[in-house]
Amino acid sequence: MFQKFSQKPMSSTSEKFDTLIGRTTTIQGNLIVRDSLRIDGKVVGNIESAADSKITVAIGPTGEITGDISAHRVMVAGKVAGHIYAAERVEFQKDSVVQGDVSYGSIAVEHGAKLSGLIIQNQSLDDSVSGAQAAIQSAQAAKKSCLSGKSKSCDFTAYNEPQ
């Protein structure tokens, strides 16, 4: 019974991607996107979209990002070393590897995805990226305070520090 369910992949999307970064391409620098983007190559820099846009950023199985991602929807099948701010939804495929904090409206995680960082749900879909960033910074400060011994009412035993 459980075997069938656990092998079922997440639903596929009919998202249209206007921009594709191929697997042999490496981009160094920040990207400001106005249309949905799929990355199968490497990006060293931040990826940002306008706060009011319905942009999707998808990282394919061969995609690697070193930097923060801010978008309406983020789908990860590759590797991300940086924070993810998804206003609506974030999805992690089974072989994805994320080292950084994640702020999201809704989340889907396939069995086998590796996440290392804080996972924070937005209070509403209207939360801004700056609000998500503030929540992550607040949680990091609380963790730092606990680890330094300044606060005695802390329990971060479930938190794994990114390596």
N, C-alpha and C. Protein backbone atom coordinates (compact mmCIF):
# COMPACT_ATOMS: atom_id res chain seq x y z
N MET A 1 0.82 -1.19 0.00
CA MET A 1 0.00 0.00 0.00
C MET A 1 0.86 1.26 0.00
N PHE A 2 1.81 1.36 0.92
CA PHE A 2 2.62 2.57 1.01
C PHE A 2 3.66 2.65 -0.10
N GLN A 3 4.10 1.52 -0.61
CA GLN A 3 5.10 1.50 -1.67
C GLN A 3 4.60 2.24 -2.91
N LYS A 4 3.38 1.97 -3.34
CA LYS A 4 2.83 2.64 -4.52
C LYS A 4 2.78 4.14 -4.32
N PHE A 5 2.29 4.57 -3.15
CA PHE A 5 2.14 5.99 -2.89
C PHE A 5 3.50 6.70 -2.84
N SER A 6 4.49 6.08 -2.21
CA SER A 6 5.78 6.74 -2.06
C SER A 6 6.53 6.87 -3.38
N GLN A 7 6.21 6.06 -4.37
CA GLN A 7 6.87 6.12 -5.67
C GLN A 7 6.17 7.06 -6.64
N LYS A 8 5.04 7.59 -6.25
CA LYS A 8 4.27 8.48 -7.13
C LYS A 8 4.96 9.84 -7.24
N PRO A 9 5.33 10.29 -8.44
CA PRO A 9 6.00 11.59 -8.57
C PRO A 9 5.01 12.73 -8.36
N MET A 10 5.58 13.93 -8.09
CA MET A 10 4.73 15.10 -7.94
C MET A 10 4.08 15.40 -9.28
N SER A 11 2.97 16.08 -9.24
CA SER A 11 2.27 16.40 -10.47
C SER A 11 3.13 17.28 -11.37
N SER A 12 3.07 17.01 -12.65
CA SER A 12 3.85 17.82 -13.57
C SER A 12 3.12 19.12 -13.85
N THR A 13 3.87 20.11 -14.27
CA THR A 13 3.31 21.42 -14.51
C THR A 13 3.29 21.69 -16.01
N SER A 14 2.35 22.50 -16.43
CA SER A 14 2.29 22.88 -17.84
C SER A 14 2.84 24.29 -18.01
N GLU A 15 3.78 24.63 -17.16
CA GLU A 15 4.40 25.96 -17.16
C GLU A 15 5.12 26.21 -18.48
N LYS A 16 5.00 27.43 -18.99
CA LYS A 16 5.70 27.84 -20.20
C LYS A 16 6.92 28.64 -19.78
N PHE A 17 8.09 28.22 -20.25
CA PHE A 17 9.33 28.91 -19.91
C PHE A 17 9.82 29.67 -21.13
N ASP A 18 9.90 30.99 -20.99
CA ASP A 18 10.33 31.85 -22.09
C ASP A 18 11.85 31.90 -22.20
N THR A 19 12.54 31.60 -21.12
CA THR A 19 14.00 31.65 -21.12
C THR A 19 14.55 30.33 -20.61
N LEU A 20 15.54 29.80 -21.31
CA LEU A 20 16.19 28.55 -20.93
C LEU A 20 17.69 28.77 -20.89
N ILE A 21 18.29 28.40 -19.77
CA ILE A 21 19.74 28.43 -19.66
C ILE A 21 20.20 26.99 -19.78
N GLY A 22 20.85 26.67 -20.90
CA GLY A 22 21.23 25.29 -21.22
C GLY A 22 22.31 24.74 -20.31
N ARG A 23 22.46 23.42 -20.34
CA ARG A 23 23.38 22.79 -19.39
C ARG A 23 24.85 23.11 -19.62
N THR A 24 25.22 23.56 -20.80
CA THR A 24 26.62 23.92 -21.06
C THR A 24 26.89 25.40 -20.80
N THR A 25 25.91 26.12 -20.28
CA THR A 25 26.03 27.56 -20.05
C THR A 25 26.28 27.86 -18.58
N THR A 26 27.21 28.78 -18.32
CA THR A 26 27.46 29.29 -16.98
C THR A 26 27.30 30.81 -17.02
N ILE A 27 26.48 31.33 -16.11
CA ILE A 27 26.26 32.77 -16.01
C ILE A 27 26.78 33.24 -14.66
N GLN A 28 27.61 34.28 -14.68
CA GLN A 28 28.09 34.88 -13.45
C GLN A 28 27.54 36.29 -13.36
N GLY A 29 26.71 36.53 -12.36
CA GLY A 29 26.07 37.83 -12.19
C GLY A 29 24.62 37.64 -11.82
N ASN A 30 23.99 38.70 -11.36
CA ASN A 30 22.59 38.65 -10.95
C ASN A 30 21.67 38.67 -12.16
N LEU A 31 20.56 37.92 -12.06
CA LEU A 31 19.54 37.90 -13.10
C LEU A 31 18.27 38.54 -12.56
N ILE A 32 17.71 39.47 -13.33
CA ILE A 32 16.40 40.04 -13.01
C ILE A 32 15.49 39.58 -14.13
N VAL A 33 14.54 38.70 -13.80
CA VAL A 33 13.72 38.06 -14.82
C VAL A 33 12.32 38.67 -14.88
N ARG A 34 11.79 38.74 -16.08
CA ARG A 34 10.44 39.26 -16.30
C ARG A 34 9.50 38.19 -16.83
N ASP A 35 10.07 37.04 -17.21
CA ASP A 35 9.30 35.89 -17.66
C ASP A 35 9.84 34.65 -16.96
N SER A 36 9.06 33.58 -16.97
CA SER A 36 9.48 32.35 -16.32
C SER A 36 10.79 31.84 -16.93
N LEU A 37 11.57 31.18 -16.09
CA LEU A 37 12.94 30.81 -16.44
C LEU A 37 13.22 29.38 -16.01
N ARG A 38 13.86 28.61 -16.90
CA ARG A 38 14.32 27.26 -16.56
C ARG A 38 15.84 27.26 -16.68
N ILE A 39 16.50 26.68 -15.66
CA ILE A 39 17.96 26.65 -15.63
C ILE A 39 18.43 25.20 -15.60
N ASP A 40 19.14 24.81 -16.65
CA ASP A 40 19.77 23.49 -16.69
C ASP A 40 21.29 23.62 -16.59
N GLY A 41 21.80 24.85 -16.62
CA GLY A 41 23.23 25.12 -16.50
C GLY A 41 23.55 25.64 -15.12
N LYS A 42 24.54 26.54 -15.05
CA LYS A 42 24.98 27.08 -13.77
C LYS A 42 24.79 28.60 -13.73
N VAL A 43 24.34 29.09 -12.58
CA VAL A 43 24.22 30.53 -12.35
C VAL A 43 24.91 30.84 -11.03
N VAL A 44 25.88 31.76 -11.08
CA VAL A 44 26.54 32.23 -9.88
C VAL A 44 26.10 33.68 -9.69
N GLY A 45 25.11 33.87 -8.84
CA GLY A 45 24.51 35.18 -8.62
C GLY A 45 23.06 35.01 -8.22
N ASN A 46 22.43 36.09 -7.82
CA ASN A 46 21.03 36.05 -7.39
C ASN A 46 20.08 36.08 -8.58
N ILE A 47 18.90 35.47 -8.39
CA ILE A 47 17.84 35.48 -9.40
C ILE A 47 16.64 36.15 -8.76
N GLU A 48 16.16 37.24 -9.38
CA GLU A 48 15.06 38.02 -8.81
C GLU A 48 13.98 38.26 -9.85
N SER A 49 12.74 38.30 -9.37
CA SER A 49 11.62 38.72 -10.22
C SER A 49 10.85 39.80 -9.46
N ALA A 50 10.05 40.55 -10.18
CA ALA A 50 9.24 41.60 -9.55
C ALA A 50 8.29 40.95 -8.55
N ALA A 51 8.06 41.63 -7.42
CA ALA A 51 7.24 41.08 -6.35
C ALA A 51 5.81 40.79 -6.79
N ASP A 52 5.28 41.58 -7.73
CA ASP A 52 3.89 41.41 -8.15
C ASP A 52 3.74 40.50 -9.37
N SER A 53 4.82 39.92 -9.86
CA SER A 53 4.74 39.07 -11.06
C SER A 53 4.50 37.61 -10.66
N LYS A 54 3.97 36.84 -11.58
CA LYS A 54 3.68 35.42 -11.36
C LYS A 54 4.74 34.56 -12.03
N ILE A 55 5.98 34.88 -11.80
CA ILE A 55 7.13 34.23 -12.46
C ILE A 55 7.47 32.92 -11.76
N THR A 56 7.81 31.91 -12.57
CA THR A 56 8.33 30.65 -12.05
C THR A 56 9.79 30.52 -12.42
N VAL A 57 10.60 30.12 -11.45
CA VAL A 57 11.99 29.79 -11.70
C VAL A 57 12.14 28.29 -11.44
N ALA A 58 12.56 27.56 -12.47
CA ALA A 58 12.73 26.11 -12.36
C ALA A 58 14.20 25.76 -12.55
N ILE A 59 14.73 24.97 -11.64
CA ILE A 59 16.10 24.48 -11.75
C ILE A 59 16.00 23.02 -12.12
N GLY A 60 16.48 22.69 -13.33
CA GLY A 60 16.43 21.32 -13.81
C GLY A 60 17.42 20.43 -13.08
N PRO A 61 17.40 19.13 -13.38
CA PRO A 61 18.27 18.17 -12.69
C PRO A 61 19.76 18.47 -12.82
N THR A 62 20.17 19.11 -13.92
CA THR A 62 21.58 19.47 -14.10
C THR A 62 21.86 20.91 -13.70
N GLY A 63 20.86 21.63 -13.24
CA GLY A 63 21.02 23.04 -12.88
C GLY A 63 21.68 23.22 -11.53
N GLU A 64 22.52 24.25 -11.43
CA GLU A 64 23.19 24.59 -10.18
C GLU A 64 23.16 26.10 -9.99
N ILE A 65 22.68 26.53 -8.82
CA ILE A 65 22.59 27.95 -8.49
C ILE A 65 23.42 28.21 -7.25
N THR A 66 24.26 29.23 -7.31
CA THR A 66 24.97 29.72 -6.14
C THR A 66 24.53 31.16 -5.96
N GLY A 67 23.52 31.35 -5.13
CA GLY A 67 22.93 32.66 -4.92
C GLY A 67 21.49 32.51 -4.47
N ASP A 68 20.85 33.62 -4.15
CA ASP A 68 19.47 33.61 -3.67
C ASP A 68 18.50 33.63 -4.85
N ILE A 69 17.31 33.05 -4.63
CA ILE A 69 16.25 33.03 -5.64
C ILE A 69 15.01 33.66 -5.03
N SER A 70 14.45 34.67 -5.71
CA SER A 70 13.20 35.31 -5.28
C SER A 70 12.23 35.26 -6.45
N ALA A 71 11.12 34.54 -6.28
CA ALA A 71 10.13 34.41 -7.35
C ALA A 71 8.78 34.02 -6.76
N HIS A 72 7.77 34.05 -7.61
CA HIS A 72 6.43 33.64 -7.19
C HIS A 72 6.40 32.14 -6.90
N ARG A 73 6.96 31.35 -7.84
CA ARG A 73 7.07 29.90 -7.70
C ARG A 73 8.50 29.49 -8.00
N VAL A 74 8.99 28.51 -7.23
CA VAL A 74 10.33 27.97 -7.45
C VAL A 74 10.24 26.45 -7.45
N MET A 75 10.78 25.83 -8.50
CA MET A 75 10.81 24.37 -8.60
C MET A 75 12.28 23.95 -8.70
N VAL A 76 12.69 23.03 -7.82
CA VAL A 76 14.09 22.64 -7.77
C VAL A 76 14.22 21.14 -8.01
N ALA A 77 15.00 20.78 -9.03
CA ALA A 77 15.37 19.38 -9.26
C ALA A 77 16.89 19.23 -9.20
N GLY A 78 17.62 20.35 -9.18
CA GLY A 78 19.08 20.35 -9.16
C GLY A 78 19.62 20.81 -7.81
N LYS A 79 20.63 21.69 -7.85
CA LYS A 79 21.30 22.12 -6.62
C LYS A 79 21.19 23.64 -6.44
N VAL A 80 20.94 24.05 -5.20
CA VAL A 80 20.89 25.47 -4.86
C VAL A 80 21.71 25.69 -3.59
N ALA A 81 22.66 26.62 -3.65
CA ALA A 81 23.42 27.04 -2.48
C ALA A 81 23.07 28.51 -2.27
N GLY A 82 22.01 28.75 -1.52
CA GLY A 82 21.51 30.10 -1.28
C GLY A 82 20.09 30.04 -0.76
N HIS A 83 19.55 31.18 -0.41
CA HIS A 83 18.20 31.23 0.14
C HIS A 83 17.16 31.25 -0.99
N ILE A 84 15.99 30.68 -0.70
CA ILE A 84 14.88 30.66 -1.65
C ILE A 84 13.69 31.39 -1.02
N TYR A 85 13.17 32.38 -1.74
CA TYR A 85 11.98 33.12 -1.30
C TYR A 85 10.90 32.90 -2.35
N ALA A 86 9.94 32.02 -2.07
CA ALA A 86 8.86 31.71 -3.00
C ALA A 86 7.56 32.25 -2.42
N ALA A 87 7.01 33.27 -3.04
CA ALA A 87 5.79 33.90 -2.52
C ALA A 87 4.62 32.93 -2.51
N GLU A 88 4.46 32.13 -3.58
CA GLU A 88 3.33 31.22 -3.64
C GLU A 88 3.72 29.79 -3.27
N ARG A 89 4.64 29.19 -4.03
CA ARG A 89 4.91 27.76 -3.87
C ARG A 89 6.37 27.43 -4.17
N VAL A 90 6.88 26.44 -3.46
CA VAL A 90 8.20 25.89 -3.75
C VAL A 90 8.07 24.37 -3.81
N GLU A 91 8.76 23.76 -4.78
CA GLU A 91 8.74 22.30 -4.94
C GLU A 91 10.16 21.78 -5.01
N PHE A 92 10.41 20.68 -4.29
CA PHE A 92 11.71 20.04 -4.30
C PHE A 92 11.56 18.62 -4.84
N GLN A 93 12.19 18.35 -5.96
CA GLN A 93 12.15 17.02 -6.57
C GLN A 93 13.06 16.07 -5.78
N LYS A 94 12.96 14.78 -6.06
CA LYS A 94 13.63 13.77 -5.24
C LYS A 94 15.14 13.89 -5.17
N ASP A 95 15.81 14.34 -6.19
CA ASP A 95 17.28 14.42 -6.17
C ASP A 95 17.80 15.83 -5.94
N SER A 96 16.93 16.76 -5.54
CA SER A 96 17.37 18.14 -5.33
C SER A 96 18.19 18.26 -4.05
N VAL A 97 19.12 19.23 -4.06
CA VAL A 97 19.97 19.51 -2.91
C VAL A 97 19.92 21.01 -2.68
N VAL A 98 19.49 21.43 -1.48
CA VAL A 98 19.38 22.85 -1.16
C VAL A 98 20.13 23.12 0.14
N GLN A 99 21.07 24.06 0.09
CA GLN A 99 21.78 24.51 1.28
C GLN A 99 21.48 25.99 1.45
N GLY A 100 20.48 26.27 2.26
CA GLY A 100 20.06 27.64 2.48
C GLY A 100 18.66 27.65 3.06
N ASP A 101 18.21 28.80 3.45
CA ASP A 101 16.89 28.94 4.07
C ASP A 101 15.82 29.07 3.00
N VAL A 102 14.61 28.59 3.33
CA VAL A 102 13.50 28.59 2.39
C VAL A 102 12.29 29.27 3.03
N SER A 103 11.72 30.24 2.33
CA SER A 103 10.48 30.90 2.74
C SER A 103 9.46 30.64 1.64
N TYR A 104 8.25 30.19 2.00
CA TYR A 104 7.30 29.73 1.00
C TYR A 104 5.86 29.98 1.42
N GLY A 105 4.96 29.95 0.44
CA GLY A 105 3.53 29.99 0.71
C GLY A 105 3.00 28.57 0.90
N SER A 106 3.32 27.68 -0.05
CA SER A 106 3.04 26.25 0.09
C SER A 106 4.27 25.50 -0.39
N ILE A 107 4.37 24.24 0.04
CA ILE A 107 5.60 23.48 -0.23
C ILE A 107 5.27 22.05 -0.62
N ALA A 108 6.09 21.49 -1.50
CA ALA A 108 6.01 20.07 -1.85
C ALA A 108 7.44 19.54 -1.85
N VAL A 109 7.65 18.44 -1.13
CA VAL A 109 8.98 17.85 -1.02
C VAL A 109 8.87 16.37 -1.34
N GLU A 110 9.57 15.93 -2.39
CA GLU A 110 9.59 14.50 -2.72
C GLU A 110 10.58 13.79 -1.81
N HIS A 111 10.29 12.52 -1.54
CA HIS A 111 11.20 11.70 -0.75
C HIS A 111 12.55 11.64 -1.44
N GLY A 112 13.62 11.93 -0.72
CA GLY A 112 14.96 11.92 -1.28
C GLY A 112 15.55 13.31 -1.46
N ALA A 113 14.73 14.35 -1.41
CA ALA A 113 15.24 15.72 -1.51
C ALA A 113 16.05 16.03 -0.25
N LYS A 114 17.14 16.77 -0.42
CA LYS A 114 18.00 17.11 0.71
C LYS A 114 17.92 18.62 0.96
N LEU A 115 17.40 19.00 2.13
CA LEU A 115 17.25 20.40 2.50
C LEU A 115 18.04 20.66 3.77
N SER A 116 18.87 21.71 3.75
CA SER A 116 19.66 22.06 4.91
C SER A 116 19.53 23.56 5.15
N GLY A 117 18.74 23.94 6.15
CA GLY A 117 18.49 25.34 6.45
C GLY A 117 17.15 25.50 7.12
N LEU A 118 16.77 26.74 7.37
CA LEU A 118 15.47 27.04 7.97
C LEU A 118 14.38 26.92 6.92
N ILE A 119 13.23 26.39 7.30
CA ILE A 119 12.08 26.27 6.42
C ILE A 119 10.96 27.07 7.08
N ILE A 120 10.57 28.20 6.46
CA ILE A 120 9.62 29.12 7.09
C ILE A 120 8.44 29.37 6.16
N GLN A 121 7.22 29.10 6.66
CA GLN A 121 6.03 29.34 5.86
C GLN A 121 5.59 30.79 6.02
N ASN A 122 5.28 31.44 4.88
CA ASN A 122 4.75 32.80 4.91
C ASN A 122 3.38 32.78 5.57
N GLN A 123 3.01 33.85 6.24
CA GLN A 123 1.70 33.94 6.88
C GLN A 123 0.57 33.97 5.87
N SER A 124 0.81 34.59 4.72
CA SER A 124 -0.19 34.64 3.66
C SER A 124 0.53 34.78 2.34
N LEU A 125 -0.17 34.57 1.26
CA LEU A 125 0.43 34.71 -0.06
C LEU A 125 0.83 36.14 -0.35
N ASP A 126 0.31 37.09 0.43
CA ASP A 126 0.63 38.49 0.21
C ASP A 126 1.93 38.92 0.90
N ASP A 127 2.54 38.00 1.67
CA ASP A 127 3.82 38.34 2.32
C ASP A 127 4.83 38.72 1.26
N SER A 128 5.55 39.78 1.53
CA SER A 128 6.57 40.22 0.59
C SER A 128 7.87 39.48 0.81
N VAL A 129 8.74 39.57 -0.16
CA VAL A 129 10.05 38.96 -0.03
C VAL A 129 10.79 39.57 1.15
N SER A 130 10.64 40.87 1.37
CA SER A 130 11.33 41.50 2.50
C SER A 130 10.80 40.95 3.82
N GLY A 131 9.50 40.66 3.89
CA GLY A 131 8.95 40.04 5.09
C GLY A 131 9.52 38.65 5.33
N ALA A 132 9.70 37.89 4.27
CA ALA A 132 10.28 36.56 4.38
C ALA A 132 11.74 36.66 4.81
N GLN A 133 12.46 37.61 4.23
CA GLN A 133 13.86 37.80 4.60
C GLN A 133 13.96 38.19 6.07
N ALA A 134 13.06 39.05 6.55
CA ALA A 134 13.07 39.47 7.95
C ALA A 134 12.80 38.28 8.88
N ALA A 135 11.88 37.40 8.50
CA ALA A 135 11.57 36.22 9.31
C ALA A 135 12.78 35.30 9.40
N ILE A 136 13.47 35.11 8.29
CA ILE A 136 14.65 34.25 8.29
C ILE A 136 15.75 34.87 9.14
N GLN A 137 15.97 36.18 9.01
CA GLN A 137 17.00 36.85 9.79
C GLN A 137 16.68 36.77 11.28
N SER A 138 15.40 36.90 11.63
CA SER A 138 15.00 36.82 13.03
C SER A 138 15.26 35.42 13.59
N ALA A 139 14.93 34.39 12.82
CA ALA A 139 15.16 33.02 13.26
C ALA A 139 16.66 32.73 13.39
N GLN A 140 17.45 33.25 12.46
CA GLN A 140 18.90 33.06 12.53
C GLN A 140 19.48 33.75 13.76
N ALA A 141 18.98 34.95 14.09
CA ALA A 141 19.45 35.68 15.26
C ALA A 141 19.08 34.93 16.54
N ALA A 142 17.87 34.36 16.58
CA ALA A 142 17.45 33.59 17.75
C ALA A 142 18.33 32.36 17.92
N LYS A 143 18.65 31.71 16.83
CA LYS A 143 19.53 30.53 16.89
C LYS A 143 20.91 30.92 17.38
N LYS A 144 21.43 32.03 16.86
CA LYS A 144 22.77 32.49 17.25
C LYS A 144 22.78 32.83 18.74
N SER A 145 21.72 33.48 19.23
CA SER A 145 21.61 33.83 20.63
C SER A 145 21.60 32.58 21.50
N CYS A 146 20.90 31.56 21.06
CA CYS A 146 20.84 30.31 21.82
C CYS A 146 22.19 29.61 21.85
N LEU A 147 22.85 29.58 20.71
CA LEU A 147 24.14 28.89 20.63
C LEU A 147 25.23 29.62 21.40
N SER A 148 25.10 30.93 21.55
CA SER A 148 26.11 31.69 22.29
C SER A 148 25.87 31.65 23.79
N GLY A 149 24.74 31.09 24.21
CA GLY A 149 24.43 30.97 25.63
C GLY A 149 23.70 32.16 26.21
N LYS A 150 23.32 33.14 25.38
CA LYS A 150 22.63 34.33 25.87
C LYS A 150 21.18 34.05 26.24
N SER A 151 20.61 33.00 25.65
CA SER A 151 19.22 32.64 25.94
C SER A 151 19.20 31.21 26.45
N LYS A 152 18.41 30.94 27.48
CA LYS A 152 18.39 29.62 28.08
C LYS A 152 17.17 28.80 27.67
N SER A 153 16.25 29.36 26.92
CA SER A 153 15.03 28.65 26.54
C SER A 153 15.02 28.33 25.06
N CYS A 154 16.02 27.57 24.61
CA CYS A 154 16.15 27.27 23.18
C CYS A 154 16.27 25.79 22.96
N ASP A 155 15.75 25.35 21.83
CA ASP A 155 15.92 23.96 21.40
C ASP A 155 16.05 23.93 19.90
N PHE A 156 17.26 23.81 19.41
CA PHE A 156 17.53 23.73 17.99
C PHE A 156 18.09 22.36 17.63
N THR A 157 17.66 21.33 18.33
CA THR A 157 18.21 20.00 18.08
C THR A 157 17.87 19.49 16.69
N ALA A 158 16.78 19.96 16.08
CA ALA A 158 16.37 19.48 14.76
C ALA A 158 17.02 20.29 13.64
N TYR A 159 17.72 21.36 13.99
CA TYR A 159 18.31 22.22 12.96
C TYR A 159 19.64 21.66 12.51
N ASN A 160 19.82 21.53 11.21
CA ASN A 160 21.10 21.08 10.64
C ASN A 160 21.78 22.25 9.99
N GLU A 161 22.97 22.56 10.41
CA GLU A 161 23.74 23.67 9.85
C GLU A 161 24.18 23.31 8.43
N PRO A 162 24.00 24.21 7.44
CA PRO A 162 24.50 23.93 6.10
C PRO A 162 26.01 23.70 6.13
N GLN A 163 26.45 22.73 5.35
CA GLN A 163 27.89 22.39 5.34
C GLN A 163 28.62 23.10 4.27
